[in-house]
Amino acid sequence: MSDVQDHEERIRDIAYGLWEKEGEPEGRSDEFWHRAVAIAAQEDAPDHEPPIEPSEDDSVDVDMEQSFPASDPPSFSPSTAGGKV
């Protein structure tokens, strides 16, 4: 069997297991197939992704986040927008 056939068979087995687990409902084969594809993709993903190194631009976000005053009043209110109160 080719790799593609093995992969499709694995997806089919996963989808069948999901279908059985949910009581063998009719008319939802596409849903189970798509869920099985997602599960197979997760299983095939590498266990560890390389850590993302912080860049110099990240420090700007941290500085800005810490300098924003949380006590500022909201800039919008019905009385300042000309709406009815």
PDB file of N, CA and C in Angstrom:
ATOM      1  N   MET A   1       0.830  -1.178   0.000  1.00  0.00           N
ATOM      2  CA  MET A   1       0.000   0.000   0.000  1.00  0.00           C
ATOM      3  C   MET A   1       0.876   1.243   0.000  1.00  0.00           C
ATOM      4  N   SER A   2       0.423   2.288  -0.660  1.00  0.00           N
ATOM      5  CA  SER A   2       1.199   3.524  -0.705  1.00  0.00           C
ATOM      6  C   SER A   2       0.953   4.337   0.561  1.00  0.00           C
ATOM      7  N   ASP A   3       1.785   5.359   0.752  1.00  0.00           N
ATOM      8  CA  ASP A   3       1.634   6.239   1.911  1.00  0.00           C
ATOM      9  C   ASP A   3       0.281   6.944   1.904  1.00  0.00           C
ATOM     10  N   VAL A   4      -0.175   7.344   0.703  1.00  0.00           N
ATOM     11  CA  VAL A   4      -1.464   8.025   0.585  1.00  0.00           C
ATOM     12  C   VAL A   4      -2.587   7.083   0.992  1.00  0.00           C
ATOM     13  N   GLN A   5      -2.520   5.837   0.538  1.00  0.00           N
ATOM     14  CA  GLN A   5      -3.548   4.857   0.898  1.00  0.00           C
ATOM     15  C   GLN A   5      -3.516   4.568   2.396  1.00  0.00           C
ATOM     16  N   ASP A   6      -2.322   4.463   2.966  1.00  0.00           N
ATOM     17  CA  ASP A   6      -2.199   4.237   4.413  1.00  0.00           C
ATOM     18  C   ASP A   6      -2.806   5.405   5.189  1.00  0.00           C
ATOM     19  N   HIS A   7      -2.523   6.618   4.729  1.00  0.00           N
ATOM     20  CA  HIS A   7      -3.037   7.819   5.394  1.00  0.00           C
ATOM     21  C   HIS A   7      -4.571   7.854   5.331  1.00  0.00           C
ATOM     22  N   GLU A   8      -5.125   7.577   4.153  1.00  0.00           N
ATOM     23  CA  GLU A   8      -6.584   7.573   4.003  1.00  0.00           C
ATOM     24  C   GLU A   8      -7.230   6.466   4.832  1.00  0.00           C
ATOM     25  N   GLU A   9      -6.581   5.324   4.904  1.00  0.00           N
ATOM     26  CA  GLU A   9      -7.115   4.231   5.716  1.00  0.00           C
ATOM     27  C   GLU A   9      -7.111   4.621   7.205  1.00  0.00           C
ATOM     28  N   ARG A  10      -6.072   5.291   7.625  1.00  0.00           N
ATOM     29  CA  ARG A  10      -5.986   5.750   9.010  1.00  0.00           C
ATOM     30  C   ARG A  10      -7.101   6.752   9.315  1.00  0.00           C
ATOM     31  N   ILE A  11      -7.330   7.691   8.396  1.00  0.00           N
ATOM     32  CA  ILE A  11      -8.408   8.658   8.563  1.00  0.00           C
ATOM     33  C   ILE A  11      -9.756   7.939   8.606  1.00  0.00           C
ATOM     34  N   ARG A  12      -9.932   6.971   7.733  1.00  0.00           N
ATOM     35  CA  ARG A  12     -11.181   6.195   7.698  1.00  0.00           C
ATOM     36  C   ARG A  12     -11.401   5.478   9.023  1.00  0.00           C
ATOM     37  N   ASP A  13     -10.343   4.905   9.583  1.00  0.00           N
ATOM     38  CA  ASP A  13     -10.452   4.211  10.870  1.00  0.00           C
ATOM     39  C   ASP A  13     -10.812   5.178  12.003  1.00  0.00           C
ATOM     40  N   ILE A  14     -10.203   6.345  11.991  1.00  0.00           N
ATOM     41  CA  ILE A  14     -10.504   7.348  13.012  1.00  0.00           C
ATOM     42  C   ILE A  14     -11.956   7.797  12.880  1.00  0.00           C
ATOM     43  N   ALA A  15     -12.383   8.095  11.642  1.00  0.00           N
ATOM     44  CA  ALA A  15     -13.757   8.541  11.402  1.00  0.00           C
ATOM     45  C   ALA A  15     -14.756   7.468  11.828  1.00  0.00           C
ATOM     46  N   TYR A  16     -14.456   6.224  11.532  1.00  0.00           N
ATOM     47  CA  TYR A  16     -15.344   5.118  11.914  1.00  0.00           C
ATOM     48  C   TYR A  16     -15.448   5.021  13.440  1.00  0.00           C
ATOM     49  N   GLY A  17     -14.328   5.181  14.114  1.00  0.00           N
ATOM     50  CA  GLY A  17     -14.327   5.138  15.582  1.00  0.00           C
ATOM     51  C   GLY A  17     -15.155   6.274  16.172  1.00  0.00           C
ATOM     52  N   LEU A  18     -15.023   7.468  15.601  1.00  0.00           N
ATOM     53  CA  LEU A  18     -15.830   8.606  16.067  1.00  0.00           C
ATOM     54  C   LEU A  18     -17.318   8.340  15.834  1.00  0.00           C
ATOM     55  N   TRP A  19     -17.638   7.815  14.672  1.00  0.00           N
ATOM     56  CA  TRP A  19     -19.017   7.506  14.302  1.00  0.00           C
ATOM     57  C   TRP A  19     -19.614   6.489  15.277  1.00  0.00           C
ATOM     58  N   GLU A  20     -18.861   5.441  15.565  1.00  0.00           N
ATOM     59  CA  GLU A  20     -19.336   4.431  16.523  1.00  0.00           C
ATOM     60  C   GLU A  20     -19.531   5.023  17.914  1.00  0.00           C
ATOM     61  N   LYS A  21     -18.565   5.832  18.340  1.00  0.00           N
ATOM     62  CA  LYS A  21     -18.599   6.428  19.679  1.00  0.00           C
ATOM     63  C   LYS A  21     -19.830   7.317  19.870  1.00  0.00           C
ATOM     64  N   GLU A  22     -20.289   7.957  18.787  1.00  0.00           N
ATOM     65  CA  GLU A  22     -21.434   8.859  18.878  1.00  0.00           C
ATOM     66  C   GLU A  22     -22.752   8.189  18.522  1.00  0.00           C
ATOM     67  N   GLY A  23     -22.775   6.859  18.542  1.00  0.00           N
ATOM     68  CA  GLY A  23     -24.036   6.137  18.368  1.00  0.00           C
ATOM     69  C   GLY A  23     -24.421   5.825  16.942  1.00  0.00           C
ATOM     70  N   GLU A  24     -23.466   5.854  16.033  1.00  0.00           N
ATOM     71  CA  GLU A  24     -23.669   5.512  14.629  1.00  0.00           C
ATOM     72  C   GLU A  24     -24.791   6.305  13.952  1.00  0.00           C
ATOM     73  N   PRO A  25     -24.755   7.653  14.072  1.00  0.00           N
ATOM     74  CA  PRO A  25     -25.804   8.463  13.449  1.00  0.00           C
ATOM     75  C   PRO A  25     -25.695   8.459  11.930  1.00  0.00           C
ATOM     76  N   GLU A  26     -26.839   8.595  11.263  1.00  0.00           N
ATOM     77  CA  GLU A  26     -26.854   8.612   9.802  1.00  0.00           C
ATOM     78  C   GLU A  26     -26.737  10.043   9.279  1.00  0.00           C
ATOM     79  N   GLY A  27     -26.135  10.194   8.100  1.00  0.00           N
ATOM     80  CA  GLY A  27     -26.108  11.474   7.418  1.00  0.00           C
ATOM     81  C   GLY A  27     -25.044  12.450   7.889  1.00  0.00           C
ATOM     82  N   ARG A  28     -24.073  11.996   8.663  1.00  0.00           N
ATOM     83  CA  ARG A  28     -23.043  12.915   9.161  1.00  0.00           C
ATOM     84  C   ARG A  28     -21.631  12.443   8.779  1.00  0.00           C
ATOM     85  N   SER A  29     -21.531  11.702   7.698  1.00  0.00           N
ATOM     86  CA  SER A  29     -20.228  11.135   7.321  1.00  0.00           C
ATOM     87  C   SER A  29     -19.184  12.213   7.039  1.00  0.00           C
ATOM     88  N   ASP A  30     -19.607  13.315   6.401  1.00  0.00           N
ATOM     89  CA  ASP A  30     -18.652  14.397   6.119  1.00  0.00           C
ATOM     90  C   ASP A  30     -18.089  14.985   7.410  1.00  0.00           C
ATOM     91  N   GLU A  31     -18.957  15.168   8.395  1.00  0.00           N
ATOM     92  CA  GLU A  31     -18.512  15.711   9.686  1.00  0.00           C
ATOM     93  C   GLU A  31     -17.459  14.810  10.313  1.00  0.00           C
ATOM     94  N   PHE A  32     -17.709  13.510  10.330  1.00  0.00           N
ATOM     95  CA  PHE A  32     -16.756  12.581  10.942  1.00  0.00           C
ATOM     96  C   PHE A  32     -15.458  12.511  10.147  1.00  0.00           C
ATOM     97  N   TRP A  33     -15.558  12.598   8.825  1.00  0.00           N
ATOM     98  CA  TRP A  33     -14.352  12.572   7.992  1.00  0.00           C
ATOM     99  C   TRP A  33     -13.488  13.801   8.282  1.00  0.00           C
ATOM    100  N   HIS A  34     -14.108  14.983   8.333  1.00  0.00           N
ATOM    101  CA  HIS A  34     -13.340  16.206   8.581  1.00  0.00           C
ATOM    102  C   HIS A  34     -12.723  16.201   9.984  1.00  0.00           C
ATOM    103  N   ARG A  35     -13.456  15.716  10.948  1.00  0.00           N
ATOM    104  CA  ARG A  35     -12.898  15.611  12.306  1.00  0.00           C
ATOM    105  C   ARG A  35     -11.724  14.642  12.330  1.00  0.00           C
ATOM    106  N   ALA A  36     -11.846  13.540  11.595  1.00  0.00           N
ATOM    107  CA  ALA A  36     -10.768  12.555  11.548  1.00  0.00           C
ATOM    108  C   ALA A  36      -9.530  13.127  10.873  1.00  0.00           C
ATOM    109  N   VAL A  37      -9.726  13.919   9.826  1.00  0.00           N
ATOM    110  CA  VAL A  37      -8.599  14.566   9.144  1.00  0.00           C
ATOM    111  C   VAL A  37      -7.871  15.481  10.124  1.00  0.00           C
ATOM    112  N   ALA A  38      -8.630  16.244  10.917  1.00  0.00           N
ATOM    113  CA  ALA A  38      -8.023  17.151  11.895  1.00  0.00           C
ATOM    114  C   ALA A  38      -7.258  16.379  12.965  1.00  0.00           C
ATOM    115  N   ILE A  39      -7.828  15.279  13.426  1.00  0.00           N
ATOM    116  CA  ILE A  39      -7.163  14.457  14.443  1.00  0.00           C
ATOM    117  C   ILE A  39      -5.872  13.870  13.885  1.00  0.00           C
ATOM    118  N   ALA A  40      -5.924  13.351  12.663  1.00  0.00           N
ATOM    119  CA  ALA A  40      -4.733  12.773  12.043  1.00  0.00           C
ATOM    120  C   ALA A  40      -3.646  13.836  11.863  1.00  0.00           C
ATOM    121  N   ALA A  41      -4.045  15.053  11.500  1.00  0.00           N
ATOM    122  CA  ALA A  41      -3.072  16.137  11.321  1.00  0.00           C
ATOM    123  C   ALA A  41      -2.410  16.483  12.646  1.00  0.00           C
ATOM    124  N   GLN A  42      -3.195  16.495  13.726  1.00  0.00           N
ATOM    125  CA  GLN A  42      -2.625  16.772  15.047  1.00  0.00           C
ATOM    126  C   GLN A  42      -1.633  15.684  15.439  1.00  0.00           C
ATOM    127  N   GLU A  43      -1.999  14.451  15.174  1.00  0.00           N
ATOM    128  CA  GLU A  43      -1.119  13.332  15.529  1.00  0.00           C
ATOM    129  C   GLU A  43       0.167  13.355  14.717  1.00  0.00           C
ATOM    130  N   ASP A  44       0.089  13.865  13.491  1.00  0.00           N
ATOM    131  CA  ASP A  44       1.269  13.908  12.622  1.00  0.00           C
ATOM    132  C   ASP A  44       2.156  15.122  12.889  1.00  0.00           C
ATOM    133  N   ALA A  45       1.621  16.111  13.612  1.00  0.00           N
ATOM    134  CA  ALA A  45       2.382  17.329  13.888  1.00  0.00           C
ATOM    135  C   ALA A  45       3.556  17.012  14.803  1.00  0.00           C
ATOM    136  N   PRO A  46       4.644  17.752  14.665  1.00  0.00           N
ATOM    137  CA  PRO A  46       5.792  17.521  15.544  1.00  0.00           C
ATOM    138  C   PRO A  46       5.407  17.825  16.994  1.00  0.00           C
ATOM    139  N   ASP A  47       6.001  17.074  17.912  1.00  0.00           N
ATOM    140  CA  ASP A  47       5.697  17.227  19.334  1.00  0.00           C
ATOM    141  C   ASP A  47       6.132  18.581  19.863  1.00  0.00           C
ATOM    142  N   HIS A  48       7.243  19.052  19.391  1.00  0.00           N
ATOM    143  CA  HIS A  48       7.771  20.310  19.917  1.00  0.00           C
ATOM    144  C   HIS A  48       8.019  21.278  18.778  1.00  0.00           C
ATOM    145  N   GLU A  49       7.455  22.438  18.905  1.00  0.00           N
ATOM    146  CA  GLU A  49       7.759  23.479  17.934  1.00  0.00           C
ATOM    147  C   GLU A  49       8.910  24.292  18.486  1.00  0.00           C
ATOM    148  N   PRO A  50       9.769  24.789  17.632  1.00  0.00           N
ATOM    149  CA  PRO A  50      10.899  25.578  18.126  1.00  0.00           C
ATOM    150  C   PRO A  50      10.385  26.825  18.843  1.00  0.00           C
ATOM    151  N   PRO A  51      11.020  27.182  19.941  1.00  0.00           N
ATOM    152  CA  PRO A  51      10.574  28.377  20.662  1.00  0.00           C
ATOM    153  C   PRO A  51      10.779  29.626  19.815  1.00  0.00           C
ATOM    154  N   ILE A  52       9.878  30.547  19.962  1.00  0.00           N
ATOM    155  CA  ILE A  52       9.977  31.803  19.232  1.00  0.00           C
ATOM    156  C   ILE A  52      10.834  32.756  20.047  1.00  0.00           C
ATOM    157  N   GLU A  53      11.876  33.228  19.428  1.00  0.00           N
ATOM    158  CA  GLU A  53      12.778  34.153  20.095  1.00  0.00           C
ATOM    159  C   GLU A  53      12.139  35.533  20.121  1.00  0.00           C
ATOM    160  N   PRO A  54      12.155  36.200  21.277  1.00  0.00           N
ATOM    161  CA  PRO A  54      11.592  37.549  21.312  1.00  0.00           C
ATOM    162  C   PRO A  54      12.426  38.504  20.467  1.00  0.00           C
ATOM    163  N   SER A  55      11.750  39.392  19.784  1.00  0.00           N
ATOM    164  CA  SER A  55      12.465  40.380  18.976  1.00  0.00           C
ATOM    165  C   SER A  55      12.483  41.712  19.716  1.00  0.00           C
ATOM    166  N   GLU A  56      13.211  42.648  19.181  1.00  0.00           N
ATOM    167  CA  GLU A  56      13.283  43.970  19.807  1.00  0.00           C
ATOM    168  C   GLU A  56      11.918  44.649  19.779  1.00  0.00           C
ATOM    169  N   ASP A  57      11.108  44.359  18.778  1.00  0.00           N
ATOM    170  CA  ASP A  57       9.784  44.967  18.660  1.00  0.00           C
ATOM    171  C   ASP A  57       8.862  44.544  19.800  1.00  0.00           C
ATOM    172  N   ASP A  58       9.068  43.349  20.369  1.00  0.00           N
ATOM    173  CA  ASP A  58       8.230  42.866  21.459  1.00  0.00           C
ATOM    174  C   ASP A  58       8.342  43.760  22.692  1.00  0.00           C
ATOM    175  N   SER A  59       9.511  44.340  22.934  1.00  0.00           N
ATOM    176  CA  SER A  59       9.682  45.182  24.113  1.00  0.00           C
ATOM    177  C   SER A  59       8.825  46.440  24.018  1.00  0.00           C
ATOM    178  N   VAL A  60       8.556  46.918  22.808  1.00  0.00           N
ATOM    179  CA  VAL A  60       7.710  48.090  22.637  1.00  0.00           C
ATOM    180  C   VAL A  60       6.299  47.775  23.116  1.00  0.00           C
ATOM    181  N   ASP A  61       5.794  46.609  22.773  1.00  0.00           N
ATOM    182  CA  ASP A  61       4.451  46.207  23.201  1.00  0.00           C
ATOM    183  C   ASP A  61       4.364  46.127  24.719  1.00  0.00           C
ATOM    184  N   VAL A  62       5.369  45.587  25.359  1.00  0.00           N
ATOM    185  CA  VAL A  62       5.375  45.462  26.819  1.00  0.00           C
ATOM    186  C   VAL A  62       5.402  46.842  27.453  1.00  0.00           C
ATOM    187  N   ASP A  63       6.269  47.728  26.958  1.00  0.00           N
ATOM    188  CA  ASP A  63       6.352  49.082  27.500  1.00  0.00           C
ATOM    189  C   ASP A  63       5.019  49.813  27.346  1.00  0.00           C
ATOM    190  N   MET A  64       4.402  49.678  26.182  1.00  0.00           N
ATOM    191  CA  MET A  64       3.140  50.352  25.939  1.00  0.00           C
ATOM    192  C   MET A  64       2.037  49.789  26.831  1.00  0.00           C
ATOM    193  N   GLU A  65       2.024  48.481  27.000  1.00  0.00           N
ATOM    194  CA  GLU A  65       1.024  47.827  27.832  1.00  0.00           C
ATOM    195  C   GLU A  65       1.121  48.314  29.277  1.00  0.00           C
ATOM    196  N   GLN A  66       2.331  48.501  29.767  1.00  0.00           N
ATOM    197  CA  GLN A  66       2.533  48.921  31.144  1.00  0.00           C
ATOM    198  C   GLN A  66       2.279  50.411  31.338  1.00  0.00           C
ATOM    199  N   SER A  67       2.330  51.210  30.283  1.00  0.00           N
ATOM    200  CA  SER A  67       2.170  52.653  30.432  1.00  0.00           C
ATOM    201  C   SER A  67       0.739  53.121  30.242  1.00  0.00           C
ATOM    202  N   PHE A  68      -0.141  52.262  29.774  1.00  0.00           N
ATOM    203  CA  PHE A  68      -1.516  52.665  29.515  1.00  0.00           C
ATOM    204  C   PHE A  68      -2.281  52.765  30.824  1.00  0.00           C
ATOM    205  N   PRO A  69      -2.820  53.936  31.163  1.00  0.00           N
ATOM    206  CA  PRO A  69      -3.545  54.060  32.434  1.00  0.00           C
ATOM    207  C   PRO A  69      -4.911  53.386  32.348  1.00  0.00           C
ATOM    208  N   ALA A  70      -5.177  52.532  33.280  1.00  0.00           N
ATOM    209  CA  ALA A  70      -6.440  51.807  33.299  1.00  0.00           C
ATOM    210  C   ALA A  70      -7.561  52.658  33.874  1.00  0.00           C
ATOM    211  N   SER A  71      -7.237  53.822  34.449  1.00  0.00           N
ATOM    212  CA  SER A  71      -8.257  54.639  35.097  1.00  0.00           C
ATOM    213  C   SER A  71      -8.862  55.686  34.178  1.00  0.00           C
ATOM    214  N   ASP A  72      -8.468  55.747  32.922  1.00  0.00           N
ATOM    215  CA  ASP A  72      -9.047  56.723  32.003  1.00  0.00           C
ATOM    216  C   ASP A  72     -10.535  56.437  31.807  1.00  0.00           C
ATOM    217  N   PRO A  73     -11.355  57.487  31.749  1.00  0.00           N
ATOM    218  CA  PRO A  73     -12.777  57.265  31.501  1.00  0.00           C
ATOM    219  C   PRO A  73     -12.984  56.835  30.054  1.00  0.00           C
ATOM    220  N   PRO A  74     -14.078  56.143  29.773  1.00  0.00           N
ATOM    221  CA  PRO A  74     -14.333  55.731  28.391  1.00  0.00           C
ATOM    222  C   PRO A  74     -14.506  56.961  27.499  1.00  0.00           C
ATOM    223  N   SER A  75     -14.092  56.864  26.270  1.00  0.00           N
ATOM    224  CA  SER A  75     -14.162  58.004  25.365  1.00  0.00           C
ATOM    225  C   SER A  75     -15.545  58.155  24.748  1.00  0.00           C
ATOM    226  N   PHE A  76     -16.404  57.188  24.900  1.00  0.00           N
ATOM    227  CA  PHE A  76     -17.741  57.244  24.319  1.00  0.00           C
ATOM    228  C   PHE A  76     -18.775  57.121  25.414  1.00  0.00           C
ATOM    229  N   SER A  77     -19.744  57.954  25.378  1.00  0.00           N
ATOM    230  CA  SER A  77     -20.905  57.822  26.237  1.00  0.00           C
ATOM    231  C   SER A  77     -22.092  58.414  25.479  1.00  0.00           C
ATOM    232  N   PRO A  78     -23.289  57.991  25.773  1.00  0.00           N
ATOM    233  CA  PRO A  78     -24.432  58.500  25.016  1.00  0.00           C
ATOM    234  C   PRO A  78     -24.543  60.031  25.100  1.00  0.00           C
ATOM    235  N   SER A  79     -24.156  60.634  26.211  1.00  0.00           N
ATOM    236  CA  SER A  79     -24.292  62.080  26.332  1.00  0.00           C
ATOM    237  C   SER A  79     -23.301  62.828  25.433  1.00  0.00           C
ATOM    238  N   THR A  80     -22.134  62.255  25.193  1.00  0.00           N
ATOM    239  CA  THR A  80     -21.146  62.913  24.320  1.00  0.00           C
ATOM    240  C   THR A  80     -21.363  62.562  22.861  1.00  0.00           C
ATOM    241  N   ALA A  81     -22.173  61.560  22.581  1.00  0.00           N
ATOM    242  CA  ALA A  81     -22.396  61.143  21.206  1.00  0.00           C
ATOM    243  C   ALA A  81     -23.643  61.787  20.620  1.00  0.00           C
ATOM    244  N   GLY A  82     -24.369  62.555  21.412  1.00  0.00           N
ATOM    245  CA  GLY A  82     -25.561  63.189  20.907  1.00  0.00           C
ATOM    246  C   GLY A  82     -26.774  62.288  20.900  1.00  0.00           C
ATOM    247  N   GLY A  83     -26.653  61.124  21.530  1.00  0.00           N
ATOM    248  CA  GLY A  83     -27.775  60.195  21.594  1.00  0.00           C
ATOM    249  C   GLY A  83     -28.666  60.486  22.772  1.00  0.00           C
ATOM    250  N   LYS A  84     -29.744  59.778  22.863  1.00  0.00           N
ATOM    251  CA  LYS A  84     -30.666  59.942  23.977  1.00  0.00           C
ATOM    252  C   LYS A  84     -30.136  59.203  25.192  1.00  0.00           C
ATOM    253  N   VAL A  85     -30.363  59.764  26.336  1.00  0.00           N
ATOM    254  CA  VAL A  85     -29.882  59.150  27.587  1.00  0.00           C
ATOM    255  C   VAL A  85     -31.016  58.432  28.251  1.00  0.00           C
TER     256      VAL A  85
END
